Amino acid sequence: MTLLDCPPRRLPRRFVPEPLPPAGTFDGQTVFIVGGTGSIGLAAAVHFANLGASVIIT
């Protein structure tokens, strides 16, 4: 029997994300991100900038 022969099954949902904070939450705050040119660091930098933070990326 191969994996393709097995019937599909639904996995339990274990991760429930928290709601995002409202825009302006980080107004007047500075966020320093190390590795901000990579995938996760860049996404974090964009996220904090959208929340109103000044972002410093290294």
PDB file of N, CA and C in Angstrom:
ATOM      1  N   MET A   1       0.847  -1.164   0.000  1.00  0.00           N
ATOM      2  CA  MET A   1       0.000   0.000   0.000  1.00  0.00           C
ATOM      3  C   MET A   1       0.902   1.240   0.000  1.00  0.00           C
ATOM      4  N   THR A   2       0.588   2.201  -0.831  1.00  0.00           N
ATOM      5  CA  THR A   2       1.352   3.447  -0.889  1.00  0.00           C
ATOM      6  C   THR A   2       0.537   4.576  -0.269  1.00  0.00           C
ATOM      7  N   LEU A   3       1.167   5.705  -0.149  1.00  0.00           N
ATOM      8  CA  LEU A   3       0.488   6.873   0.401  1.00  0.00           C
ATOM      9  C   LEU A   3      -0.690   7.282  -0.472  1.00  0.00           C
ATOM     10  N   LEU A   4      -0.565   7.083  -1.773  1.00  0.00           N
ATOM     11  CA  LEU A   4      -1.645   7.454  -2.688  1.00  0.00           C
ATOM     12  C   LEU A   4      -2.851   6.527  -2.563  1.00  0.00           C
ATOM     13  N   ASP A   5      -2.643   5.330  -2.043  1.00  0.00           N
ATOM     14  CA  ASP A   5      -3.744   4.383  -1.875  1.00  0.00           C
ATOM     15  C   ASP A   5      -4.547   4.636  -0.596  1.00  0.00           C
ATOM     16  N   CYS A   6      -3.989   5.389   0.333  1.00  0.00           N
ATOM     17  CA  CYS A   6      -4.665   5.646   1.603  1.00  0.00           C
ATOM     18  C   CYS A   6      -5.797   6.656   1.413  1.00  0.00           C
ATOM     19  N   PRO A   7      -6.883   6.489   2.138  1.00  0.00           N
ATOM     20  CA  PRO A   7      -7.965   7.472   2.042  1.00  0.00           C
ATOM     21  C   PRO A   7      -7.533   8.799   2.666  1.00  0.00           C
ATOM     22  N   PRO A   8      -8.025   9.913   2.149  1.00  0.00           N
ATOM     23  CA  PRO A   8      -7.647  11.209   2.729  1.00  0.00           C
ATOM     24  C   PRO A   8      -8.217  11.360   4.130  1.00  0.00           C
ATOM     25  N   ARG A   9      -7.522  12.085   4.953  1.00  0.00           N
ATOM     26  CA  ARG A   9      -8.018  12.353   6.296  1.00  0.00           C
ATOM     27  C   ARG A   9      -7.740  13.812   6.637  1.00  0.00           C
ATOM     28  N   ARG A  10      -8.575  14.356   7.436  1.00  0.00           N
ATOM     29  CA  ARG A  10      -8.440  15.754   7.842  1.00  0.00           C
ATOM     30  C   ARG A  10      -7.644  15.809   9.146  1.00  0.00           C
ATOM     31  N   LEU A  11      -6.605  16.643   9.152  1.00  0.00           N
ATOM     32  CA  LEU A  11      -5.791  16.790  10.347  1.00  0.00           C
ATOM     33  C   LEU A  11      -6.444  17.788  11.296  1.00  0.00           C
ATOM     34  N   PRO A  12      -6.278  17.601  12.595  1.00  0.00           N
ATOM     35  CA  PRO A  12      -6.866  18.559  13.541  1.00  0.00           C
ATOM     36  C   PRO A  12      -6.173  19.911  13.431  1.00  0.00           C
ATOM     37  N   ARG A  13      -6.929  20.977  13.624  1.00  0.00           N
ATOM     38  CA  ARG A  13      -6.368  22.318  13.572  1.00  0.00           C
ATOM     39  C   ARG A  13      -5.796  22.658  14.945  1.00  0.00           C
ATOM     40  N   ARG A  14      -4.503  22.860  14.987  1.00  0.00           N
ATOM     41  CA  ARG A  14      -3.839  23.113  16.260  1.00  0.00           C
ATOM     42  C   ARG A  14      -3.451  24.572  16.431  1.00  0.00           C
ATOM     43  N   PHE A  15      -3.238  25.277  15.332  1.00  0.00           N
ATOM     44  CA  PHE A  15      -2.762  26.653  15.407  1.00  0.00           C
ATOM     45  C   PHE A  15      -3.906  27.606  15.125  1.00  0.00           C
ATOM     46  N   VAL A  16      -4.200  28.454  16.089  1.00  0.00           N
ATOM     47  CA  VAL A  16      -5.217  29.483  15.906  1.00  0.00           C
ATOM     48  C   VAL A  16      -4.514  30.823  16.103  1.00  0.00           C
ATOM     49  N   PRO A  17      -4.322  31.595  15.030  1.00  0.00           N
ATOM     50  CA  PRO A  17      -3.577  32.846  15.166  1.00  0.00           C
ATOM     51  C   PRO A  17      -4.333  33.888  15.977  1.00  0.00           C
ATOM     52  N   GLU A  18      -3.581  34.697  16.676  1.00  0.00           N
ATOM     53  CA  GLU A  18      -4.158  35.806  17.432  1.00  0.00           C
ATOM     54  C   GLU A  18      -4.554  36.909  16.454  1.00  0.00           C
ATOM     55  N   PRO A  19      -5.581  37.683  16.763  1.00  0.00           N
ATOM     56  CA  PRO A  19      -5.936  38.796  15.884  1.00  0.00           C
ATOM     57  C   PRO A  19      -4.820  39.842  15.876  1.00  0.00           C
ATOM     58  N   LEU A  20      -4.660  40.515  14.743  1.00  0.00           N
ATOM     59  CA  LEU A  20      -3.620  41.528  14.607  1.00  0.00           C
ATOM     60  C   LEU A  20      -3.977  42.774  15.400  1.00  0.00           C
ATOM     61  N   PRO A  21      -2.972  43.467  15.921  1.00  0.00           N
ATOM     62  CA  PRO A  21      -3.264  44.710  16.635  1.00  0.00           C
ATOM     63  C   PRO A  21      -3.740  45.783  15.657  1.00  0.00           C
ATOM     64  N   PRO A  22      -4.472  46.763  16.130  1.00  0.00           N
ATOM     65  CA  PRO A  22      -4.974  47.802  15.231  1.00  0.00           C
ATOM     66  C   PRO A  22      -3.847  48.694  14.719  1.00  0.00           C
ATOM     67  N   ALA A  23      -4.075  49.309  13.559  1.00  0.00           N
ATOM     68  CA  ALA A  23      -3.095  50.232  12.982  1.00  0.00           C
ATOM     69  C   ALA A  23      -2.837  51.364  13.964  1.00  0.00           C
ATOM     70  N   GLY A  24      -1.598  51.827  14.001  1.00  0.00           N
ATOM     71  CA  GLY A  24      -1.239  52.905  14.915  1.00  0.00           C
ATOM     72  C   GLY A  24      -0.790  52.427  16.277  1.00  0.00           C
ATOM     73  N   THR A  25      -0.764  51.124  16.489  1.00  0.00           N
ATOM     74  CA  THR A  25      -0.367  50.571  17.782  1.00  0.00           C
ATOM     75  C   THR A  25       1.069  50.945  18.135  1.00  0.00           C
ATOM     76  N   PHE A  26       1.930  51.058  17.129  1.00  0.00           N
ATOM     77  CA  PHE A  26       3.342  51.337  17.363  1.00  0.00           C
ATOM     78  C   PHE A  26       3.726  52.758  16.967  1.00  0.00           C
ATOM     79  N   ASP A  27       2.770  53.679  16.928  1.00  0.00           N
ATOM     80  CA  ASP A  27       3.081  55.077  16.622  1.00  0.00           C
ATOM     81  C   ASP A  27       4.096  55.609  17.627  1.00  0.00           C
ATOM     82  N   GLY A  28       5.151  56.256  17.116  1.00  0.00           N
ATOM     83  CA  GLY A  28       6.176  56.827  17.980  1.00  0.00           C
ATOM     84  C   GLY A  28       7.181  55.825  18.506  1.00  0.00           C
ATOM     85  N   GLN A  29       7.065  54.556  18.141  1.00  0.00           N
ATOM     86  CA  GLN A  29       7.981  53.517  18.600  1.00  0.00           C
ATOM     87  C   GLN A  29       8.995  53.214  17.501  1.00  0.00           C
ATOM     88  N   THR A  30      10.177  52.757  17.890  1.00  0.00           N
ATOM     89  CA  THR A  30      11.205  52.339  16.944  1.00  0.00           C
ATOM     90  C   THR A  30      11.436  50.850  17.121  1.00  0.00           C
ATOM     91  N   VAL A  31      11.464  50.131  16.005  1.00  0.00           N
ATOM     92  CA  VAL A  31      11.688  48.684  16.019  1.00  0.00           C
ATOM     93  C   VAL A  31      12.995  48.411  15.287  1.00  0.00           C
ATOM     94  N   PHE A  32      13.890  47.673  15.919  1.00  0.00           N
ATOM     95  CA  PHE A  32      15.186  47.314  15.346  1.00  0.00           C
ATOM     96  C   PHE A  32      15.123  45.849  14.945  1.00  0.00           C
ATOM     97  N   ILE A  33      15.285  45.562  13.650  1.00  0.00           N
ATOM     98  CA  ILE A  33      15.158  44.187  13.164  1.00  0.00           C
ATOM     99  C   ILE A  33      16.488  43.735  12.578  1.00  0.00           C
ATOM    100  N   VAL A  34      17.035  42.655  13.136  1.00  0.00           N
ATOM    101  CA  VAL A  34      18.263  42.055  12.628  1.00  0.00           C
ATOM    102  C   VAL A  34      17.861  41.006  11.598  1.00  0.00           C
ATOM    103  N   GLY A  35      18.458  41.053  10.424  1.00  0.00           N
ATOM    104  CA  GLY A  35      18.121  40.106   9.366  1.00  0.00           C
ATOM    105  C   GLY A  35      16.853  40.499   8.637  1.00  0.00           C
ATOM    106  N   GLY A  36      16.603  41.790   8.541  1.00  0.00           N
ATOM    107  CA  GLY A  36      15.369  42.272   7.924  1.00  0.00           C
ATOM    108  C   GLY A  36      15.327  42.187   6.421  1.00  0.00           C
ATOM    109  N   THR A  37      16.424  41.743   5.793  1.00  0.00           N
ATOM    110  CA  THR A  37      16.397  41.608   4.337  1.00  0.00           C
ATOM    111  C   THR A  37      15.978  40.206   3.916  1.00  0.00           C
ATOM    112  N   GLY A  38      15.857  39.289   4.861  1.00  0.00           N
ATOM    113  CA  GLY A  38      15.413  37.932   4.559  1.00  0.00           C
ATOM    114  C   GLY A  38      13.907  37.833   4.596  1.00  0.00           C
ATOM    115  N   SER A  39      13.406  36.650   4.407  1.00  0.00           N
ATOM    116  CA  SER A  39      11.959  36.456   4.261  1.00  0.00           C
ATOM    117  C   SER A  39      11.174  36.800   5.531  1.00  0.00           C
ATOM    118  N   ILE A  40      11.493  36.204   6.664  1.00  0.00           N
ATOM    119  CA  ILE A  40      10.728  36.463   7.884  1.00  0.00           C
ATOM    120  C   ILE A  40      11.029  37.852   8.427  1.00  0.00           C
ATOM    121  N   GLY A  41      12.300  38.242   8.413  1.00  0.00           N
ATOM    122  CA  GLY A  41      12.664  39.565   8.900  1.00  0.00           C
ATOM    123  C   GLY A  41      12.036  40.673   8.079  1.00  0.00           C
ATOM    124  N   LEU A  42      12.002  40.501   6.768  1.00  0.00           N
ATOM    125  CA  LEU A  42      11.388  41.500   5.896  1.00  0.00           C
ATOM    126  C   LEU A  42       9.888  41.585   6.146  1.00  0.00           C
ATOM    127  N   ALA A  43       9.244  40.448   6.319  1.00  0.00           N
ATOM    128  CA  ALA A  43       7.804  40.443   6.608  1.00  0.00           C
ATOM    129  C   ALA A  43       7.523  41.128   7.941  1.00  0.00           C
ATOM    130  N   ALA A  44       8.379  40.904   8.932  1.00  0.00           N
ATOM    131  CA  ALA A  44       8.205  41.561  10.229  1.00  0.00           C
ATOM    132  C   ALA A  44       8.397  43.063  10.098  1.00  0.00           C
ATOM    133  N   ALA A  45       9.389  43.488   9.305  1.00  0.00           N
ATOM    134  CA  ALA A  45       9.640  44.916   9.112  1.00  0.00           C
ATOM    135  C   ALA A  45       8.452  45.597   8.453  1.00  0.00           C
ATOM    136  N   VAL A  46       7.904  44.976   7.436  1.00  0.00           N
ATOM    137  CA  VAL A  46       6.733  45.535   6.752  1.00  0.00           C
ATOM    138  C   VAL A  46       5.548  45.593   7.711  1.00  0.00           C
ATOM    139  N   HIS A  47       5.368  44.556   8.494  1.00  0.00           N
ATOM    140  CA  HIS A  47       4.255  44.500   9.445  1.00  0.00           C
ATOM    141  C   HIS A  47       4.352  45.631  10.468  1.00  0.00           C
ATOM    142  N   PHE A  48       5.533  45.809  11.062  1.00  0.00           N
ATOM    143  CA  PHE A  48       5.697  46.876  12.053  1.00  0.00           C
ATOM    144  C   PHE A  48       5.550  48.253  11.420  1.00  0.00           C
ATOM    145  N   ALA A  49       6.041  48.414  10.204  1.00  0.00           N
ATOM    146  CA  ALA A  49       5.873  49.698   9.514  1.00  0.00           C
ATOM    147  C   ALA A  49       4.394  49.982   9.273  1.00  0.00           C
ATOM    148  N   ASN A  50       3.629  48.960   8.927  1.00  0.00           N
ATOM    149  CA  ASN A  50       2.186  49.138   8.728  1.00  0.00           C
ATOM    150  C   ASN A  50       1.464  49.485  10.027  1.00  0.00           C
ATOM    151  N   LEU A  51       2.052  49.112  11.157  1.00  0.00           N
ATOM    152  CA  LEU A  51       1.463  49.435  12.455  1.00  0.00           C
ATOM    153  C   LEU A  51       1.920  50.792  12.973  1.00  0.00           C
ATOM    154  N   GLY A  52       2.729  51.506  12.186  1.00  0.00           N
ATOM    155  CA  GLY A  52       3.119  52.860  12.539  1.00  0.00           C
ATOM    156  C   GLY A  52       4.497  53.014  13.146  1.00  0.00           C
ATOM    157  N   ALA A  53       5.277  51.950  13.237  1.00  0.00           N
ATOM    158  CA  ALA A  53       6.597  52.028  13.857  1.00  0.00           C
ATOM    159  C   ALA A  53       7.627  52.566  12.875  1.00  0.00           C
ATOM    160  N   SER A  54       8.656  53.203  13.426  1.00  0.00           N
ATOM    161  CA  SER A  54       9.855  53.506  12.651  1.00  0.00           C
ATOM    162  C   SER A  54      10.697  52.240  12.688  1.00  0.00           C
ATOM    163  N   VAL A  55      11.140  51.768  11.525  1.00  0.00           N
ATOM    164  CA  VAL A  55      11.816  50.474  11.452  1.00  0.00           C
ATOM    165  C   VAL A  55      13.269  50.671  11.038  1.00  0.00           C
ATOM    166  N   ILE A  56      14.179  50.066  11.795  1.00  0.00           N
ATOM    167  CA  ILE A  56      15.596  50.036  11.458  1.00  0.00           C
ATOM    168  C   ILE A  56      15.928  48.598  11.096  1.00  0.00           C
ATOM    169  N   ILE A  57      16.473  48.397   9.894  1.00  0.00           N
ATOM    170  CA  ILE A  57      16.765  47.047   9.402  1.00  0.00           C
ATOM    171  C   ILE A  57      18.268  46.890   9.223  1.00  0.00           C
ATOM    172  N   THR A  58      18.818  45.764   9.711  1.00  0.00           N
ATOM    173  CA  THR A  58      20.233  45.463   9.478  1.00  0.00           C
ATOM    174  C   THR A  58      20.354  44.199   8.678  1.00  0.00           C
TER     175      THR A  58
END
